[in-house]
PDB file of N, CA and C in Angstrom:
ATOM      1  N   UNK A   1       0.807  -1.199   0.000  1.00  0.00           N
ATOM      2  CA  UNK A   1       0.000   0.000   0.000  1.00  0.00           C
ATOM      3  C   UNK A   1       0.849   1.261   0.000  1.00  0.00           C
ATOM      4  N   UNK A   2       2.161   1.156  -0.104  1.00  0.00           N
ATOM      5  CA  UNK A   2       3.067   2.306  -0.218  1.00  0.00           C
ATOM      6  C   UNK A   2       2.871   3.331   0.893  1.00  0.00           C
ATOM      7  N   UNK A   3       2.645   2.856   2.115  1.00  0.00           N
ATOM      8  CA  UNK A   3       2.446   3.717   3.286  1.00  0.00           C
ATOM      9  C   UNK A   3       1.268   4.672   3.127  1.00  0.00           C
ATOM     10  N   UNK A   4       0.264   4.221   2.416  1.00  0.00           N
ATOM     11  CA  UNK A   4      -0.954   5.004   2.254  1.00  0.00           C
ATOM     12  C   UNK A   4      -1.723   4.960   3.574  1.00  0.00           C
ATOM     13  N   UNK A   5      -1.795   6.089   4.271  1.00  0.00           N
ATOM     14  CA  UNK A   5      -2.411   6.147   5.592  1.00  0.00           C
ATOM     15  C   UNK A   5      -3.931   5.980   5.551  1.00  0.00           C
ATOM     16  N   UNK A   6      -4.497   5.888   4.369  1.00  0.00           N
ATOM     17  CA  UNK A   6      -5.936   5.648   4.246  1.00  0.00           C
ATOM     18  C   UNK A   6      -6.234   4.203   3.848  1.00  0.00           C
ATOM     19  N   UNK A   7      -5.186   3.406   3.629  1.00  0.00           N
ATOM     20  CA  UNK A   7      -5.410   2.019   3.215  1.00  0.00           C
ATOM     21  C   UNK A   7      -5.999   1.198   4.354  1.00  0.00           C
ATOM     22  N   UNK A   8      -6.700   0.131   4.000  1.00  0.00           N
ATOM     23  CA  UNK A   8      -7.358  -0.734   4.977  1.00  0.00           C
ATOM     24  C   UNK A   8      -6.347  -1.344   5.955  1.00  0.00           C
ATOM     25  N   UNK A   9      -5.222  -1.822   5.448  1.00  0.00           N
ATOM     26  CA  UNK A   9      -4.202  -2.427   6.315  1.00  0.00           C
ATOM     27  C   UNK A   9      -3.613  -1.413   7.290  1.00  0.00           C
ATOM     28  N   UNK A  10      -3.303  -0.228   6.805  1.00  0.00           N
ATOM     29  CA  UNK A  10      -2.735   0.798   7.669  1.00  0.00           C
ATOM     30  C   UNK A  10      -3.711   1.166   8.786  1.00  0.00           C
ATOM     31  N   UNK A  11      -4.967   1.356   8.450  1.00  0.00           N
ATOM     32  CA  UNK A  11      -5.967   1.730   9.450  1.00  0.00           C
ATOM     33  C   UNK A  11      -6.180   0.616  10.473  1.00  0.00           C
ATOM     34  N   UNK A  12      -6.133  -0.651  10.040  1.00  0.00           N
ATOM     35  CA  UNK A  12      -6.269  -1.773  10.965  1.00  0.00           C
ATOM     36  C   UNK A  12      -5.103  -1.798  11.954  1.00  0.00           C
ATOM     37  N   UNK A  13      -3.899  -1.628  11.471  1.00  0.00           N
ATOM     38  CA  UNK A  13      -2.719  -1.615  12.342  1.00  0.00           C
ATOM     39  C   UNK A  13      -2.771  -0.419  13.283  1.00  0.00           C
ATOM     40  N   UNK A  14      -3.248   0.707  12.814  1.00  0.00           N
ATOM     41  CA  UNK A  14      -3.383   1.888  13.679  1.00  0.00           C
ATOM     42  C   UNK A  14      -4.357   1.604  14.819  1.00  0.00           C
ATOM     43  N   UNK A  15      -5.449   0.897  14.539  1.00  0.00           N
ATOM     44  CA  UNK A  15      -6.413   0.535  15.591  1.00  0.00           C
ATOM     45  C   UNK A  15      -5.775  -0.404  16.608  1.00  0.00           C
ATOM     46  N   UNK A  16      -5.008  -1.383  16.156  1.00  0.00           N
ATOM     47  CA  UNK A  16      -4.327  -2.298  17.078  1.00  0.00           C
ATOM     48  C   UNK A  16      -3.321  -1.545  17.946  1.00  0.00           C
ATOM     49  N   UNK A  17      -2.598  -0.610  17.374  1.00  0.00           N
ATOM     50  CA  UNK A  17      -1.643   0.189  18.145  1.00  0.00           C
ATOM     51  C   UNK A  17      -2.350   1.050  19.178  1.00  0.00           C
ATOM     52  N   UNK A  18      -3.504   1.599  18.833  1.00  0.00           N
ATOM     53  CA  UNK A  18      -4.276   2.399  19.792  1.00  0.00           C
ATOM     54  C   UNK A  18      -4.725   1.535  20.965  1.00  0.00           C
ATOM     55  N   UNK A  19      -5.160   0.320  20.680  1.00  0.00           N
ATOM     56  CA  UNK A  19      -5.560  -0.609  21.737  1.00  0.00           C
ATOM     57  C   UNK A  19      -4.374  -0.918  22.647  1.00  0.00           C
ATOM     58  N   UNK A  20      -3.232  -1.206  22.061  1.00  0.00           N
ATOM     59  CA  UNK A  20      -2.029  -1.511  22.849  1.00  0.00           C
ATOM     60  C   UNK A  20      -1.662  -0.345  23.748  1.00  0.00           C
ATOM     61  N   UNK A  21      -1.651   0.845  23.227  1.00  0.00           N
ATOM     62  CA  UNK A  21      -1.278   2.022  24.021  1.00  0.00           C
ATOM     63  C   UNK A  21      -2.277   2.293  25.140  1.00  0.00           C
ATOM     64  N   UNK A  22      -3.553   2.068  24.863  1.00  0.00           N
ATOM     65  CA  UNK A  22      -4.594   2.367  25.849  1.00  0.00           C
ATOM     66  C   UNK A  22      -4.621   1.370  27.002  1.00  0.00           C
ATOM     67  N   UNK A  23      -4.319   0.110  26.735  1.00  0.00           N
ATOM     68  CA  UNK A  23      -4.531  -0.915  27.756  1.00  0.00           C
ATOM     69  C   UNK A  23      -3.280  -1.662  28.194  1.00  0.00           C
ATOM     70  N   UNK A  24      -2.242  -1.677  27.396  1.00  0.00           N
ATOM     71  CA  UNK A  24      -1.098  -2.517  27.731  1.00  0.00           C
ATOM     72  C   UNK A  24       0.124  -1.720  28.159  1.00  0.00           C
ATOM     73  N   UNK A  25      -0.013  -0.459  28.417  1.00  0.00           N
ATOM     74  CA  UNK A  25       1.152   0.360  28.722  1.00  0.00           C
ATOM     75  C   UNK A  25       1.673   0.248  30.141  1.00  0.00           C
ATOM     76  N   UNK A  26       0.902  -0.295  31.090  1.00  0.00           N
ATOM     77  CA  UNK A  26       1.321  -0.256  32.490  1.00  0.00           C
ATOM     78  C   UNK A  26       1.661  -1.631  33.054  1.00  0.00           C
ATOM     79  N   UNK A  27       2.158  -2.537  32.222  1.00  0.00           N
ATOM     80  CA  UNK A  27       2.541  -3.855  32.731  1.00  0.00           C
ATOM     81  C   UNK A  27       3.742  -3.738  33.652  1.00  0.00           C
ATOM     82  N   UNK A  28       3.932  -4.725  34.490  1.00  0.00           N
ATOM     83  CA  UNK A  28       5.043  -4.729  35.420  1.00  0.00           C
ATOM     84  C   UNK A  28       4.677  -5.396  36.735  1.00  0.00           C
ATOM     85  N   UNK A  29       3.381  -5.576  36.975  1.00  0.00           N
ATOM     86  CA  UNK A  29       2.919  -6.257  38.169  1.00  0.00           C
ATOM     87  C   UNK A  29       2.692  -7.733  37.849  1.00  0.00           C
ATOM     88  N   UNK A  30       2.647  -8.572  38.890  1.00  0.00           N
ATOM     89  CA  UNK A  30       2.472 -10.009  38.683  1.00  0.00           C
ATOM     90  C   UNK A  30       1.194 -10.324  37.908  1.00  0.00           C
ATOM     91  N   UNK A  31       0.114  -9.624  38.221  1.00  0.00           N
ATOM     92  CA  UNK A  31      -1.153  -9.885  37.545  1.00  0.00           C
ATOM     93  C   UNK A  31      -1.079  -9.569  36.051  1.00  0.00           C
ATOM     94  N   UNK A  32      -0.170  -8.687  35.674  1.00  0.00           N
ATOM     95  CA  UNK A  32      -0.038  -8.310  34.267  1.00  0.00           C
ATOM     96  C   UNK A  32       0.415  -9.479  33.401  1.00  0.00           C
ATOM     97  N   UNK A  33       1.134 -10.414  33.997  1.00  0.00           N
ATOM     98  CA  UNK A  33       1.674 -11.536  33.236  1.00  0.00           C
ATOM     99  C   UNK A  33       0.695 -12.686  33.096  1.00  0.00           C
ATOM    100  N   UNK A  34      -0.479 -12.591  33.732  1.00  0.00           N
ATOM    101  CA  UNK A  34      -1.482 -13.648  33.612  1.00  0.00           C
ATOM    102  C   UNK A  34      -2.292 -13.410  32.350  1.00  0.00           C
ATOM    103  N   UNK A  35      -2.340 -14.414  31.528  1.00  0.00           N
ATOM    104  CA  UNK A  35      -3.026 -14.313  30.241  1.00  0.00           C
ATOM    105  C   UNK A  35      -4.043 -15.436  30.145  1.00  0.00           C
ATOM    106  N   UNK A  36      -5.317 -15.098  29.958  1.00  0.00           N
ATOM    107  CA  UNK A  36      -6.371 -16.097  29.763  1.00  0.00           C
ATOM    108  C   UNK A  36      -6.662 -16.180  28.278  1.00  0.00           C
ATOM    109  N   UNK A  37      -6.594 -17.376  27.743  1.00  0.00           N
ATOM    110  CA  UNK A  37      -6.827 -17.533  26.309  1.00  0.00           C
ATOM    111  C   UNK A  37      -7.952 -18.527  26.055  1.00  0.00           C
ATOM    112  N   UNK A  38      -8.551 -18.403  24.892  1.00  0.00           N
ATOM    113  CA  UNK A  38      -9.555 -19.382  24.457  1.00  0.00           C
ATOM    114  C   UNK A  38      -8.815 -20.609  23.951  1.00  0.00           C
ATOM    115  N   UNK A  39      -9.491 -21.742  23.960  1.00  0.00           N
ATOM    116  CA  UNK A  39      -8.868 -22.935  23.401  1.00  0.00           C
ATOM    117  C   UNK A  39      -8.578 -22.690  21.924  1.00  0.00           C
ATOM    118  N   UNK A  40      -7.671 -23.453  21.392  1.00  0.00           N
ATOM    119  CA  UNK A  40      -7.184 -23.244  20.020  1.00  0.00           C
ATOM    120  C   UNK A  40      -8.327 -23.205  19.014  1.00  0.00           C
ATOM    121  N   UNK A  41      -8.386 -22.128  18.271  1.00  0.00           N
ATOM    122  CA  UNK A  41      -9.384 -21.970  17.219  1.00  0.00           C
ATOM    123  C   UNK A  41      -8.670 -21.520  15.947  1.00  0.00           C
ATOM    124  N   UNK A  42      -9.019 -22.113  14.851  1.00  0.00           N
ATOM    125  CA  UNK A  42      -8.428 -21.743  13.586  1.00  0.00           C
ATOM    126  C   UNK A  42      -8.879 -20.331  13.196  1.00  0.00           C
ATOM    127  N   UNK A  43      -7.947 -19.476  12.870  1.00  0.00           N
ATOM    128  CA  UNK A  43      -8.208 -18.109  12.390  1.00  0.00           C
ATOM    129  C   UNK A  43      -8.708 -17.143  13.461  1.00  0.00           C
ATOM    130  N   UNK A  44      -8.718 -17.526  14.741  1.00  0.00           N
ATOM    131  CA  UNK A  44      -9.228 -16.658  15.795  1.00  0.00           C
ATOM    132  C   UNK A  44      -8.179 -16.499  16.897  1.00  0.00           C
ATOM    133  N   UNK A  45      -7.983 -15.260  17.320  1.00  0.00           N
ATOM    134  CA  UNK A  45      -7.164 -14.958  18.486  1.00  0.00           C
ATOM    135  C   UNK A  45      -8.108 -14.359  19.523  1.00  0.00           C
ATOM    136  N   UNK A  46      -8.105 -14.905  20.733  1.00  0.00           N
ATOM    137  CA  UNK A  46      -8.969 -14.394  21.792  1.00  0.00           C
ATOM    138  C   UNK A  46      -8.229 -14.508  23.117  1.00  0.00           C
ATOM    139  N   UNK A  47      -8.097 -13.370  23.820  1.00  0.00           N
ATOM    140  CA  UNK A  47      -7.445 -13.410  25.122  1.00  0.00           C
ATOM    141  C   UNK A  47      -7.897 -12.259  25.997  1.00  0.00           C
ATOM    142  N   UNK A  48      -7.702 -12.417  27.319  1.00  0.00           N
ATOM    143  CA  UNK A  48      -7.992 -11.381  28.317  1.00  0.00           C
ATOM    144  C   UNK A  48      -6.684 -11.083  29.032  1.00  0.00           C
ATOM    145  N   UNK A  49      -6.408  -9.791  29.203  1.00  0.00           N
ATOM    146  CA  UNK A  49      -5.180  -9.404  29.884  1.00  0.00           C
ATOM    147  C   UNK A  49      -5.362  -8.029  30.500  1.00  0.00           C
ATOM    148  N   UNK A  50      -4.621  -7.765  31.560  1.00  0.00           N
ATOM    149  CA  UNK A  50      -4.656  -6.467  32.217  1.00  0.00           C
ATOM    150  C   UNK A  50      -3.962  -6.522  33.554  1.00  0.00           C
ATOM    151  N   UNK A  51      -3.609  -5.368  34.082  1.00  0.00           N
ATOM    152  CA  UNK A  51      -2.854  -5.303  35.335  1.00  0.00           C
ATOM    153  C   UNK A  51      -3.733  -5.131  36.559  1.00  0.00           C
ATOM    154  N   UNK A  52      -4.959  -4.713  36.384  1.00  0.00           N
ATOM    155  CA  UNK A  52      -5.868  -4.512  37.501  1.00  0.00           C
ATOM    156  C   UNK A  52      -7.177  -5.216  37.185  1.00  0.00           C
ATOM    157  N   UNK A  53      -7.798  -5.779  38.217  1.00  0.00           N
ATOM    158  CA  UNK A  53      -9.026  -6.558  37.990  1.00  0.00           C
ATOM    159  C   UNK A  53     -10.098  -5.732  37.289  1.00  0.00           C
ATOM    160  N   UNK A  54     -10.197  -4.460  37.610  1.00  0.00           N
ATOM    161  CA  UNK A  54     -11.235  -3.624  37.003  1.00  0.00           C
ATOM    162  C   UNK A  54     -10.786  -2.977  35.694  1.00  0.00           C
ATOM    163  N   UNK A  55      -9.589  -3.304  35.222  1.00  0.00           N
ATOM    164  CA  UNK A  55      -9.097  -2.741  33.958  1.00  0.00           C
ATOM    165  C   UNK A  55      -8.613  -3.829  33.014  1.00  0.00           C
ATOM    166  N   UNK A  56      -9.309  -4.948  32.994  1.00  0.00           N
ATOM    167  CA  UNK A  56      -8.966  -6.030  32.072  1.00  0.00           C
ATOM    168  C   UNK A  56      -9.500  -5.694  30.683  1.00  0.00           C
ATOM    169  N   UNK A  57      -8.853  -6.233  29.691  1.00  0.00           N
ATOM    170  CA  UNK A  57      -9.306  -6.026  28.325  1.00  0.00           C
ATOM    171  C   UNK A  57      -9.439  -7.387  27.645  1.00  0.00           C
ATOM    172  N   UNK A  58     -10.503  -7.547  26.888  1.00  0.00           N
ATOM    173  CA  UNK A  58     -10.740  -8.743  26.092  1.00  0.00           C
ATOM    174  C   UNK A  58     -10.416  -8.392  24.646  1.00  0.00           C
ATOM    175  N   UNK A  59      -9.557  -9.169  24.040  1.00  0.00           N
ATOM    176  CA  UNK A  59      -9.206  -8.956  22.635  1.00  0.00           C
ATOM    177  C   UNK A  59      -9.657 -10.188  21.858  1.00  0.00           C
ATOM    178  N   UNK A  60     -10.459  -9.972  20.842  1.00  0.00           N
ATOM    179  CA  UNK A  60     -10.918 -11.047  19.972  1.00  0.00           C
ATOM    180  C   UNK A  60     -10.743 -10.582  18.535  1.00  0.00           C
ATOM    181  N   UNK A  61     -10.092 -11.404  17.742  1.00  0.00           N
ATOM    182  CA  UNK A  61      -9.895 -11.075  16.332  1.00  0.00           C
ATOM    183  C   UNK A  61     -10.166 -12.309  15.488  1.00  0.00           C
ATOM    184  N   UNK A  62     -11.016 -12.161  14.492  1.00  0.00           N
ATOM    185  CA  UNK A  62     -11.301 -13.230  13.540  1.00  0.00           C
ATOM    186  C   UNK A  62     -10.568 -12.901  12.252  1.00  0.00           C
ATOM    187  N   UNK A  63      -9.613 -13.741  11.886  1.00  0.00           N
ATOM    188  CA  UNK A  63      -8.818 -13.499  10.687  1.00  0.00           C
ATOM    189  C   UNK A  63      -9.334 -14.256   9.473  1.00  0.00           C
ATOM    190  N   UNK A  64     -10.495 -14.883   9.601  1.00  0.00           N
ATOM    191  CA  UNK A  64     -11.117 -15.547   8.468  1.00  0.00           C
ATOM    192  C   UNK A  64     -12.021 -14.531   7.787  1.00  0.00           C
ATOM    193  N   UNK A  65     -11.703 -14.171   6.572  1.00  0.00           N
ATOM    194  CA  UNK A  65     -12.450 -13.127   5.859  1.00  0.00           C
ATOM    195  C   UNK A  65     -13.768 -13.628   5.278  1.00  0.00           C
ATOM    196  N   UNK A  66     -14.007 -14.940   5.323  1.00  0.00           N
ATOM    197  CA  UNK A  66     -15.200 -15.483   4.684  1.00  0.00           C
ATOM    198  C   UNK A  66     -16.256 -15.977   5.660  1.00  0.00           C
ATOM    199  N   UNK A  67     -15.854 -16.361   6.883  1.00  0.00           N
ATOM    200  CA  UNK A  67     -16.804 -16.961   7.815  1.00  0.00           C
ATOM    201  C   UNK A  67     -16.690 -16.347   9.200  1.00  0.00           C
ATOM    202  N   UNK A  68     -17.833 -16.273   9.866  1.00  0.00           N
ATOM    203  CA  UNK A  68     -17.829 -15.875  11.278  1.00  0.00           C
ATOM    204  C   UNK A  68     -17.319 -17.054  12.097  1.00  0.00           C
ATOM    205  N   UNK A  69     -16.732 -16.779  13.231  1.00  0.00           N
ATOM    206  CA  UNK A  69     -16.241 -17.819  14.135  1.00  0.00           C
ATOM    207  C   UNK A  69     -16.833 -17.586  15.516  1.00  0.00           C
ATOM    208  N   UNK A  70     -16.877 -18.642  16.330  1.00  0.00           N
ATOM    209  CA  UNK A  70     -17.369 -18.535  17.700  1.00  0.00           C
ATOM    210  C   UNK A  70     -16.238 -18.936  18.633  1.00  0.00           C
ATOM    211  N   UNK A  71     -15.983 -18.101  19.633  1.00  0.00           N
ATOM    212  CA  UNK A  71     -14.938 -18.395  20.626  1.00  0.00           C
ATOM    213  C   UNK A  71     -15.549 -18.319  22.012  1.00  0.00           C
ATOM    214  N   UNK A  72     -15.140 -19.213  22.881  1.00  0.00           N
ATOM    215  CA  UNK A  72     -15.599 -19.204  24.268  1.00  0.00           C
ATOM    216  C   UNK A  72     -14.387 -19.234  25.184  1.00  0.00           C
ATOM    217  N   UNK A  73     -14.413 -18.394  26.226  1.00  0.00           N
ATOM    218  CA  UNK A  73     -13.368 -18.445  27.227  1.00  0.00           C
ATOM    219  C   UNK A  73     -13.899 -17.957  28.559  1.00  0.00           C
ATOM    220  N   UNK A  74     -13.317 -18.441  29.630  1.00  0.00           N
ATOM    221  CA  UNK A  74     -13.717 -18.050  30.987  1.00  0.00           C
ATOM    222  C   UNK A  74     -13.254 -16.617  31.246  1.00  0.00           C
ATOM    223  N   UNK A  75     -14.098 -15.841  31.926  1.00  0.00           N
ATOM    224  CA  UNK A  75     -13.705 -14.469  32.248  1.00  0.00           C
ATOM    225  C   UNK A  75     -14.103 -14.146  33.686  1.00  0.00           C
ATOM    226  N   UNK A  76     -13.634 -13.011  34.170  1.00  0.00           N
ATOM    227  CA  UNK A  76     -13.974 -12.550  35.517  1.00  0.00           C
ATOM    228  C   UNK A  76     -15.257 -11.719  35.527  1.00  0.00           C
ATOM    229  N   UNK A  77     -15.778 -11.368  34.350  1.00  0.00           N
ATOM    230  CA  UNK A  77     -16.986 -10.569  34.272  1.00  0.00           C
ATOM    231  C   UNK A  77     -18.212 -11.418  34.613  1.00  0.00           C
ATOM    232  N   UNK A  78     -19.179 -10.798  35.263  1.00  0.00           N
ATOM    233  CA  UNK A  78     -20.404 -11.511  35.601  1.00  0.00           C
ATOM    234  C   UNK A  78     -21.331 -11.530  34.390  1.00  0.00           C
ATOM    235  N   UNK A  79     -22.265 -12.458  34.401  1.00  0.00           N
ATOM    236  CA  UNK A  79     -23.201 -12.568  33.302  1.00  0.00           C
ATOM    237  C   UNK A  79     -23.997 -11.272  33.152  1.00  0.00           C
ATOM    238  N   UNK A  80     -24.164 -10.840  31.925  1.00  0.00           N
ATOM    239  CA  UNK A  80     -24.933  -9.631  31.649  1.00  0.00           C
ATOM    240  C   UNK A  80     -24.102  -8.376  31.487  1.00  0.00           C
ATOM    241  N   UNK A  81     -22.801  -8.442  31.771  1.00  0.00           N
ATOM    242  CA  UNK A  81     -21.941  -7.267  31.598  1.00  0.00           C
ATOM    243  C   UNK A  81     -21.806  -6.993  30.110  1.00  0.00           C
ATOM    244  N   UNK A  82     -22.003  -5.752  29.713  1.00  0.00           N
ATOM    245  CA  UNK A  82     -21.884  -5.369  28.321  1.00  0.00           C
ATOM    246  C   UNK A  82     -20.461  -4.923  28.025  1.00  0.00           C
ATOM    247  N   UNK A  83     -19.891  -5.481  26.977  1.00  0.00           N
ATOM    248  CA  UNK A  83     -18.545  -5.103  26.551  1.00  0.00           C
ATOM    249  C   UNK A  83     -18.680  -4.175  25.352  1.00  0.00           C
ATOM    250  N   UNK A  84     -17.647  -3.365  25.116  1.00  0.00           N
ATOM    251  CA  UNK A  84     -17.715  -2.441  23.993  1.00  0.00           C
ATOM    252  C   UNK A  84     -16.445  -2.469  23.183  1.00  0.00           C
ATOM    253  N   UNK A  85     -16.582  -2.154  21.914  1.00  0.00           N
ATOM    254  CA  UNK A  85     -15.450  -2.045  21.006  1.00  0.00           C
ATOM    255  C   UNK A  85     -14.772  -0.703  21.291  1.00  0.00           C
ATOM    256  N   UNK A  86     -13.499  -0.725  21.618  1.00  0.00           N
ATOM    257  CA  UNK A  86     -12.824   0.516  21.995  1.00  0.00           C
ATOM    258  C   UNK A  86     -11.950   1.093  20.912  1.00  0.00           C
ATOM    259  N   UNK A  87     -11.786   0.381  19.825  1.00  0.00           N
ATOM    260  CA  UNK A  87     -10.954   0.926  18.745  1.00  0.00           C
ATOM    261  C   UNK A  87     -11.729   0.994  17.467  1.00  0.00           C
TER     262      UNK A  87
END
């Protein structure tokens, strides 16, 4: 894309970098190194990470461009908690 800042790939990477800066900048505590992941799924990355119980982040990415995927993983959130897309 010749470093075209409007290209789809560039904008996707910019969103991932924004997520990293917003949530992963303060690692260094023991809890920061705990990573909860979903069981192995083809084309899907899903994990929960964070340094404080009330500042955990769930990251889910489906890299299959043709089909939706379903991922399940245990979390600390109670049933009914609404999650939001932050990037």
